[in-house]
Protein backbone atom coordinates (compact mmCIF):
# COMPACT_ATOMS: atom_id res chain seq x y z
CA UNK A 1 26.20 -18.05 -63.78
CA UNK A 2 27.60 -20.88 -61.70
CA UNK A 3 25.25 -22.81 -59.48
CA UNK A 4 26.02 -22.45 -55.77
CA UNK A 5 25.29 -25.45 -53.61
CA UNK A 6 25.22 -25.62 -49.82
CA UNK A 7 26.34 -28.78 -48.16
CA UNK A 8 23.87 -30.18 -45.69
CA UNK A 9 26.02 -33.06 -44.60
CA UNK A 10 26.90 -32.31 -40.96
CA UNK A 11 26.60 -34.22 -37.73
CA UNK A 12 23.03 -34.56 -36.51
CA UNK A 13 23.95 -33.57 -32.93
CA UNK A 14 25.50 -30.33 -34.20
CA UNK A 15 22.35 -29.59 -36.25
CA UNK A 16 19.96 -30.12 -33.35
CA UNK A 17 22.14 -28.04 -31.03
CA UNK A 18 21.97 -25.13 -33.45
CA UNK A 19 18.26 -25.57 -34.05
CA UNK A 20 17.06 -25.74 -30.44
CA UNK A 21 19.24 -22.79 -29.38
CA UNK A 22 18.06 -20.77 -32.42
CA UNK A 23 14.44 -21.56 -31.50
CA UNK A 24 15.15 -20.37 -27.96
CA UNK A 25 16.61 -17.08 -29.22
CA UNK A 26 13.66 -16.59 -31.58
CA UNK A 27 11.37 -16.89 -28.55
CA UNK A 28 13.09 -13.83 -27.07
CA UNK A 29 15.42 -15.52 -24.57
CA UNK A 30 18.06 -12.99 -23.45
CA UNK A 31 21.01 -15.26 -22.73
CA UNK A 32 23.35 -12.38 -21.85
CA UNK A 33 21.07 -11.04 -19.11
CA UNK A 34 20.45 -14.56 -17.79
CA UNK A 35 24.20 -15.23 -17.68
CA UNK A 36 24.73 -12.11 -15.56
CA UNK A 37 21.86 -13.12 -13.28
CA UNK A 38 22.48 -16.86 -12.83
CA UNK A 39 26.25 -17.09 -13.59
CA UNK A 40 25.49 -19.91 -16.06
CA UNK A 41 26.86 -19.89 -19.62
CA UNK A 42 24.04 -20.32 -22.16
CA UNK A 43 25.09 -21.61 -25.58
CA UNK A 44 24.23 -24.39 -28.01
CA UNK A 45 26.78 -26.77 -26.41
CA UNK A 46 25.53 -26.20 -22.85
CA UNK A 47 23.90 -29.65 -22.71
CA UNK A 48 26.99 -31.50 -23.85
CA UNK A 49 27.30 -32.30 -20.14
CA UNK A 50 24.86 -32.34 -17.19
CA UNK A 51 23.62 -28.81 -16.50
CA UNK A 52 20.83 -28.69 -13.90
CA UNK A 53 20.83 -24.94 -13.26
CA UNK A 54 20.68 -24.06 -16.96
CA UNK A 55 17.94 -26.65 -17.50
CA UNK A 56 15.77 -25.14 -14.76
CA UNK A 57 16.14 -21.60 -16.16
CA UNK A 58 15.38 -22.61 -19.77
CA UNK A 59 12.44 -24.88 -18.94
CA UNK A 60 10.88 -22.23 -16.68
CA UNK A 61 11.25 -19.65 -19.47
CA UNK A 62 9.74 -21.97 -22.12
CA UNK A 63 6.74 -22.86 -19.95
CA UNK A 64 6.18 -19.15 -19.25
CA UNK A 65 6.23 -18.41 -22.97
CA UNK A 66 3.82 -21.29 -23.54
CA UNK A 67 1.24 -20.09 -20.96
CA UNK A 68 2.29 -17.57 -18.31
CA UNK A 69 -0.87 -17.94 -16.18
CA UNK A 70 -0.66 -21.72 -15.91
CA UNK A 71 3.10 -21.49 -15.35
CA UNK A 72 2.57 -19.11 -12.44
CA UNK A 73 0.12 -21.52 -10.79
CA UNK A 74 2.21 -24.63 -11.46
CA UNK A 75 5.61 -23.21 -10.39
CA UNK A 76 4.30 -21.07 -7.54
CA UNK A 77 5.67 -23.39 -4.84
CA UNK A 78 8.89 -24.52 -6.55
CA UNK A 79 10.35 -21.45 -8.30
CA UNK A 80 12.99 -20.23 -7.72
CA UNK A 81 14.57 -23.56 -6.78
CA UNK A 82 16.39 -23.35 -3.44
CA UNK A 83 16.54 -26.91 -2.08
CA UNK A 84 16.23 -30.58 -3.03
CA UNK A 85 12.51 -30.67 -2.22
CA UNK A 86 11.73 -27.80 -4.58
CA UNK A 87 14.01 -29.36 -7.22
CA UNK A 88 12.04 -32.63 -7.11
CA UNK A 89 8.74 -30.74 -7.29
CA UNK A 90 10.04 -28.71 -10.25
CA UNK A 91 10.97 -31.90 -12.15
CA UNK A 92 7.55 -33.38 -11.36
CA UNK A 93 5.70 -30.31 -12.70
CA UNK A 94 7.80 -30.28 -15.90
CA UNK A 95 7.31 -34.01 -16.48
CA UNK A 96 3.53 -33.84 -15.96
CA UNK A 97 3.14 -30.80 -18.19
CA UNK A 98 5.19 -32.31 -21.06
CA UNK A 99 3.26 -35.56 -20.79
CA UNK A 100 0.02 -33.59 -20.97
CA UNK A 101 1.26 -31.72 -24.07
CA UNK A 102 2.24 -34.94 -25.87
CA UNK A 103 -1.24 -36.39 -25.21
CA UNK A 104 -3.23 -33.26 -26.14
CA UNK A 105 -1.10 -32.24 -29.14
CA UNK A 106 0.36 -35.20 -31.08
CA UNK A 107 1.95 -32.76 -33.57
CA UNK A 108 4.37 -31.64 -30.86
CA UNK A 109 6.19 -35.02 -31.20
CA UNK A 110 7.62 -34.62 -27.71
CA UNK A 111 9.19 -37.96 -26.72
CA UNK A 112 8.15 -39.87 -23.63
CA UNK A 113 9.89 -38.24 -20.68
CA UNK A 114 11.61 -40.33 -18.02
CA UNK A 115 12.50 -39.17 -14.52
CA UNK A 116 16.20 -39.95 -15.00
CA UNK A 117 16.39 -37.62 -17.99
CA UNK A 118 15.45 -34.58 -15.88
CA UNK A 119 17.59 -35.72 -12.96
CA UNK A 120 20.64 -35.79 -15.26
CA UNK A 121 19.83 -33.20 -17.96
CA UNK A 122 22.50 -33.58 -20.61
CA UNK A 123 23.56 -35.55 -23.64
CA UNK A 124 22.03 -36.23 -27.03
CA UNK A 125 18.68 -37.51 -25.70
CA UNK A 126 18.10 -34.34 -23.70
CA UNK A 127 19.11 -32.18 -26.70
CA UNK A 128 16.49 -34.00 -28.80
CA UNK A 129 13.91 -33.29 -26.09
CA UNK A 130 14.86 -29.58 -26.06
CA UNK A 131 14.65 -29.51 -29.87
CA UNK A 132 11.10 -30.91 -29.88
CA UNK A 133 9.93 -28.77 -26.97
CA UNK A 134 11.37 -25.45 -28.28
CA UNK A 135 9.84 -26.15 -31.70
CA UNK A 136 6.44 -26.77 -30.11
CA UNK A 137 6.61 -23.60 -28.00
CA UNK A 138 7.74 -21.55 -31.01
CA UNK A 139 4.84 -22.87 -33.10
CA UNK A 140 2.29 -22.10 -30.37
CA UNK A 141 3.67 -18.59 -29.74
CA UNK A 142 3.78 -17.70 -33.45
CA UNK A 143 0.22 -18.88 -34.04
CA UNK A 144 -0.95 -16.99 -30.96
CA UNK A 145 0.73 -13.73 -32.01
CA UNK A 146 -0.41 -13.99 -35.64
CA UNK A 147 -3.42 -11.93 -36.76
CA UNK A 148 -5.83 -12.48 -39.67
CA UNK A 149 -4.19 -13.60 -42.88
CA UNK A 150 -0.75 -13.67 -41.25
CA UNK A 151 -1.57 -17.14 -39.86
CA UNK A 152 -1.45 -18.49 -43.40
CA UNK A 153 2.08 -17.16 -43.78
CA UNK A 154 3.32 -18.87 -40.61
CA UNK A 155 4.69 -22.37 -40.58
CA UNK A 156 2.33 -25.24 -41.16
CA UNK A 157 4.94 -27.43 -39.45
CA UNK A 158 8.08 -26.42 -37.61
CA UNK A 159 11.61 -27.77 -37.77
CA UNK A 160 11.63 -30.47 -35.13
CA UNK A 161 14.59 -32.56 -36.32
CA UNK A 162 17.79 -31.99 -38.31
CA UNK A 163 16.54 -34.31 -41.06
CA UNK A 164 13.65 -31.95 -41.84
CA UNK A 165 16.17 -29.42 -43.17
CA UNK A 166 17.46 -31.82 -45.82
CA UNK A 167 16.11 -31.09 -49.35
CA UNK A 168 15.20 -34.73 -49.87
CA UNK A 169 13.08 -34.92 -46.72
CA UNK A 170 9.50 -36.05 -47.59
CA UNK A 171 7.93 -34.32 -44.57
CA UNK A 172 8.94 -30.78 -45.49
CA UNK A 173 10.40 -28.62 -48.23
CA UNK A 174 13.67 -27.86 -46.39
CA UNK A 175 14.81 -24.35 -47.35
CA UNK A 176 11.20 -23.33 -47.93
CA UNK A 177 10.34 -24.04 -44.30
CA UNK A 178 13.48 -22.28 -43.13
CA UNK A 179 12.55 -19.26 -45.26
CA UNK A 180 9.09 -19.20 -43.73
CA UNK A 181 10.55 -19.43 -40.23
CA UNK A 182 12.80 -16.48 -40.99
CA UNK A 183 9.79 -14.57 -42.35
CA UNK A 184 7.94 -15.14 -39.09
CA UNK A 185 10.94 -14.03 -37.09
CA UNK A 186 11.42 -10.91 -39.25
CA UNK A 187 7.71 -9.99 -39.02
CA UNK A 188 7.70 -10.29 -35.23
CA UNK A 189 10.84 -8.22 -34.81
CA UNK A 190 9.61 -5.68 -37.37
CA UNK A 191 6.52 -5.18 -35.25
CA UNK A 192 8.71 -4.66 -32.19
CA UNK A 193 10.89 -2.15 -34.08
CA UNK A 194 7.81 -0.25 -35.28
CA UNK A 195 6.43 -0.17 -31.75
CA UNK A 196 9.75 1.15 -30.42
CA UNK A 197 9.86 3.78 -33.17
CA UNK A 198 6.35 4.96 -32.24
CA UNK A 199 7.36 5.08 -28.59
CA UNK A 200 10.51 7.04 -29.46
CA UNK A 201 8.49 9.50 -31.55
CA UNK A 202 6.02 10.02 -28.69
CA UNK A 203 8.90 10.57 -26.28
CA UNK A 204 10.44 13.16 -28.60
CA UNK A 205 7.09 14.97 -28.85
CA UNK A 206 6.67 14.98 -25.08
CA UNK A 207 10.26 16.16 -24.66
CA UNK A 208 9.79 19.05 -27.09
CA UNK A 209 6.60 20.09 -25.30
CA UNK A 210 8.38 19.87 -21.95
CA UNK A 211 11.29 21.98 -23.22
CA UNK A 212 8.88 24.60 -24.61
CA UNK A 213 7.07 24.79 -21.26
CA UNK A 214 10.36 25.10 -19.39
CA UNK A 215 11.58 27.90 -21.71
CA UNK A 216 8.28 29.74 -21.24
CA UNK A 217 8.50 29.39 -17.48
CA UNK A 218 12.17 30.50 -17.53
CA UNK A 219 11.30 33.66 -19.44
CA UNK A 220 8.41 34.42 -17.07
CA UNK A 221 10.67 33.98 -14.04
CA UNK A 222 13.32 36.20 -15.63
CA UNK A 223 10.76 38.94 -16.20
CA UNK A 224 9.57 38.69 -12.58
CA UNK A 225 13.16 38.81 -11.40
CA UNK A 226 13.83 42.02 -13.31
CA UNK A 227 10.66 43.60 -11.90
CA UNK A 228 11.65 42.66 -8.34
CA UNK A 229 15.15 44.02 -8.86
CA UNK A 230 13.67 47.33 -10.03
CA UNK A 231 11.39 47.47 -6.96
CA UNK A 232 14.33 46.65 -4.70
CA UNK A 233 16.37 49.40 -6.29
CA UNK A 234 13.56 51.94 -5.75
CA UNK A 235 13.13 50.83 -2.14
CA UNK A 236 16.88 51.14 -1.53
CA UNK A 237 16.84 54.66 -2.94
CA UNK A 238 13.93 55.68 -0.69
CA UNK A 239 15.58 54.08 2.35
CA UNK A 240 18.90 55.79 1.75
CA UNK A 241 17.19 59.17 1.32
CA UNK A 242 15.15 58.70 4.53
CA UNK A 243 18.27 57.72 6.46
CA UNK A 244 20.04 60.79 5.15
CA UNK A 245 17.16 63.00 6.30
CA UNK A 246 17.04 61.40 9.76
CA UNK A 247 20.78 61.81 10.20
CA UNK A 248 20.59 65.45 9.15
CA UNK A 249 17.79 66.07 11.70
CA UNK A 250 15.39 67.42 9.16
CA UNK A 251 11.80 66.28 8.70
CA UNK A 252 9.02 67.13 6.34
CA UNK A 253 5.24 67.14 6.87
CA UNK A 254 4.85 64.42 4.26
CA UNK A 255 7.37 62.22 6.08
CA UNK A 256 5.63 62.80 9.43
CA UNK A 257 2.29 61.82 7.97
CA UNK A 258 3.79 58.67 6.45
CA UNK A 259 5.38 57.69 9.77
CA UNK A 260 2.15 58.29 11.68
CA UNK A 261 0.23 56.24 9.13
CA UNK A 262 2.72 53.37 9.45
CA UNK A 263 2.64 53.55 13.26
CA UNK A 264 -1.15 53.46 13.20
CA UNK A 265 -1.05 50.48 10.90
CA UNK A 266 1.42 48.67 13.19
CA UNK A 267 -0.76 49.40 16.25
CA UNK A 268 -3.71 47.94 14.37
CA UNK A 269 -1.68 44.81 13.65
CA UNK A 270 -0.75 44.46 17.34
CA UNK A 271 -4.36 44.97 18.36
CA UNK A 272 -5.53 42.30 15.92
CA UNK A 273 -2.85 39.96 17.26
CA UNK A 274 -3.93 40.53 20.87
CA UNK A 275 -7.57 39.90 19.95
CA UNK A 276 -6.62 36.72 18.18
CA UNK A 277 -4.60 35.48 21.16
CA UNK A 278 -7.42 36.25 23.60
CA UNK A 279 -10.07 34.57 21.43
CA UNK A 280 -8.00 31.48 20.68
CA UNK A 281 -6.79 30.85 24.23
CA UNK A 282 -9.11 27.86 24.66
CA UNK A 283 -8.11 26.35 21.31
CA UNK A 284 -4.41 26.88 22.10
CA UNK A 285 -4.90 25.19 25.45
CA UNK A 286 -6.48 22.18 23.71
CA UNK A 287 -3.64 22.01 21.20
CA UNK A 288 -1.10 22.31 24.02
CA UNK A 289 -2.77 19.44 25.87
CA UNK A 290 -2.52 17.26 22.78
CA UNK A 291 1.10 18.29 22.20
CA UNK A 292 2.05 17.46 25.81
CA UNK A 293 0.45 14.03 25.50
CA UNK A 294 -2.31 14.62 28.07
CA UNK A 295 -5.19 14.17 25.62
CA UNK A 296 -5.77 10.50 26.47
CA UNK A 297 -4.70 10.66 30.10
CA UNK A 298 -8.16 9.85 31.46
CA UNK A 299 -10.19 6.98 30.06
CA UNK A 300 -13.49 5.35 30.98
CA UNK A 301 -12.97 1.75 32.07
CA UNK A 302 -16.19 -0.21 32.56
CA UNK A 303 -14.63 -3.62 33.22
CA UNK A 304 -15.52 -3.64 36.95
CA UNK A 305 -18.92 -1.99 36.47
CA UNK A 306 -21.74 -4.44 37.32
CA UNK A 307 -25.34 -3.39 36.90
CA UNK A 308 -28.81 -4.89 36.89
CA UNK A 309 -31.90 -3.57 35.14
CA UNK A 310 -34.67 -2.82 37.69
CA UNK A 311 -37.89 -4.73 37.31
CA UNK A 312 -39.92 -1.51 36.98
CA UNK A 313 -37.76 -0.28 34.08
CA UNK A 314 -37.81 -3.71 32.47
CA UNK A 315 -41.60 -3.90 32.77
CA UNK A 316 -42.33 -0.38 31.48
CA UNK A 317 -39.79 -0.34 28.67
CA UNK A 318 -40.07 -3.96 27.60
CA UNK A 319 -41.43 -2.91 24.20
CA UNK A 320 -38.44 -0.64 23.52
CA UNK A 321 -36.05 -3.38 24.56
CA UNK A 322 -37.69 -5.82 22.18
CA UNK A 323 -37.88 -3.36 19.28
CA UNK A 324 -34.14 -2.71 19.57
CA UNK A 325 -34.47 0.98 20.41
CA UNK A 326 -32.08 0.31 23.26
CA UNK A 327 -28.99 -1.58 22.08
CA UNK A 328 -27.34 -4.57 23.70
CA UNK A 329 -25.56 -3.81 26.95
CA UNK A 330 -22.64 -6.05 25.97
CA UNK A 331 -21.07 -6.12 22.53
CA UNK A 332 -18.05 -8.29 21.84
CA UNK A 333 -17.66 -9.07 25.53
CA UNK A 334 -17.39 -5.36 26.42
CA UNK A 335 -19.86 -3.06 28.14
CA UNK A 336 -21.73 -0.75 25.75
CA UNK A 337 -21.79 2.65 27.49
CA UNK A 338 -24.29 4.08 24.98
CA UNK A 339 -26.86 1.39 25.83
CA UNK A 340 -26.12 1.90 29.54
CA UNK A 341 -26.86 5.64 29.25
CA UNK A 342 -30.11 4.86 27.44
CA UNK A 343 -31.16 2.56 30.29
CA UNK A 344 -30.25 5.23 32.84
CA UNK A 345 -32.45 7.71 30.98
CA UNK A 346 -35.32 5.21 31.16
CA UNK A 347 -34.76 4.79 34.93
CA UNK A 348 -34.73 8.57 35.42
CA UNK A 349 -38.00 8.85 33.50
CA UNK A 350 -39.54 6.23 35.83
CA UNK A 351 -38.36 8.17 38.91
CA UNK A 352 -39.68 11.43 37.48
CA UNK A 353 -43.12 9.94 36.81
CA UNK A 354 -43.18 8.38 40.31
CA UNK A 355 -42.35 11.71 41.97
CA UNK A 356 -45.11 13.40 40.01
CA UNK A 357 -47.66 10.81 41.16
CA UNK A 358 -46.71 11.05 44.86
CA UNK A 359 -47.60 14.18 46.86
CA UNK A 360 -44.85 16.01 48.74
CA UNK A 361 -45.61 15.80 52.51
CA UNK A 362 -46.19 19.03 54.49
CA UNK A 363 -44.17 19.58 57.66
CA UNK A 364 -46.23 22.50 59.02
CA UNK A 365 -47.83 20.38 61.75
CA UNK A 366 -44.54 19.00 63.01
CA UNK A 367 -42.73 22.33 62.83
CA UNK A 368 -44.01 23.62 66.23
CA UNK A 369 -43.08 20.39 67.99
CA UNK A 370 -39.67 20.44 66.33
CA UNK A 371 -39.10 24.02 67.51
CA UNK A 372 -39.88 23.04 71.13
CA UNK A 373 -37.55 20.05 70.92
CA UNK A 374 -34.86 22.26 69.43
CA UNK A 375 -35.17 24.75 72.29
CA UNK A 376 -35.02 21.95 74.90
CA UNK A 377 -31.94 20.45 73.29
CA UNK A 378 -30.24 23.84 73.25
CA UNK A 379 -30.91 24.21 77.03
CA UNK A 380 -29.55 20.69 77.64
CA UNK A 381 -26.49 21.52 75.57
CA UNK A 382 -25.79 24.68 77.60
CA UNK A 383 -26.22 22.73 80.86
CA UNK A 384 -23.79 20.07 79.60
CA UNK A 385 -21.21 22.74 78.76
CA UNK A 386 -21.50 24.26 82.27
CA UNK A 387 -21.21 20.83 83.88
CA UNK A 388 -18.11 20.05 81.85
CA UNK A 389 -16.51 23.36 82.92
CA UNK A 390 -17.26 22.63 86.60
CA UNK A 391 -15.79 19.14 86.33
CA UNK A 392 -12.65 20.52 84.72
CA UNK A 393 -12.17 23.02 87.59
CA UNK A 394 -12.77 20.27 90.15
CA UNK A 395 -10.26 18.00 88.43
CA UNK A 396 -7.61 20.72 88.43
CA UNK A 397 -8.18 21.39 92.14
CA UNK A 398 -7.79 17.70 92.92
CA UNK A 399 -4.56 17.53 90.98
CA UNK A 400 -3.20 20.61 92.79
CA UNK A 401 -4.02 19.28 96.32
CA UNK A 402 -1.07 17.60 98.16
CA UNK A 403 -3.15 14.62 99.36
């Protein structure tokens, strides 16, 4: 059997373009949906020229895959990017985060990031940065999603440069690493396919149960429909026969009794309705008031109400005031009517106790004198009326005289 050999001699820029874009797709980046959303073409040659919009979308996605919680906090004020200020803040966050990664994880091999590289994202240097960064994110995500012994199957080191794919590379085993990367990718997607199959099976089970319930309900409704049609047919027959008898002028004792029974039942219904209307007149009036909008027509306004606690009430009920039995008269700058009513009750109690202590005076001694004065005033009143009548007559006579 002839030996098949694969040539690995290709331009380094072409290799790193394929690798970083493949890493991005393995991380679950949906370039078709993003193209429809952002109107930016995502492909391996997209950084052959300066591409700010595509850079922002890809970097935001990679940082979210790396740690979604930290990404939400970091990009909260600068994503989505709408203006120059947010664009500068976005570049600053990306630069600081990548610098932090390179310090905390030397295996990431992320190169030192300059501000000009993010201001003009494009060219071979930026493609090398994307290659290192996507490889780091892919390694972190795979190790995070691995469980138990699967971590031993995952890559001990990821493809971070085109030279690592060459069979003679001392840092890796070339095709062996690529085979392991494909194994990781296949395992992850196999888990997703199994999850989707379980979901599809559950949906089919729910659908079959739903269809069975609907068929059962349909049969029950059909049976009820047939029963109602039979009752309607019987009622139509009885109605037609009764109409025929009424038109013919004939009547039977059984029909008379049925009519009287129905009339009695109708009278009972009318009587019950009248009783209900008479009993619920007050409630209907309340509902009508609310419906007409007169429910809140009158309100209690205590803004101009000024009061002062009497010294007697304050002295007698000082203990209650201190204990808090009576609330504050002002709460939130407004008069508390409940506390005011409690104070009024205290004042009324003081008046009641005072009236009980004092004796009611007797007017028996003054009654005789008052009667005499009343009689004298009545005589004076009659005399005044007579004098007024005489003066009126004298005035009329003076007006009638010619002089």
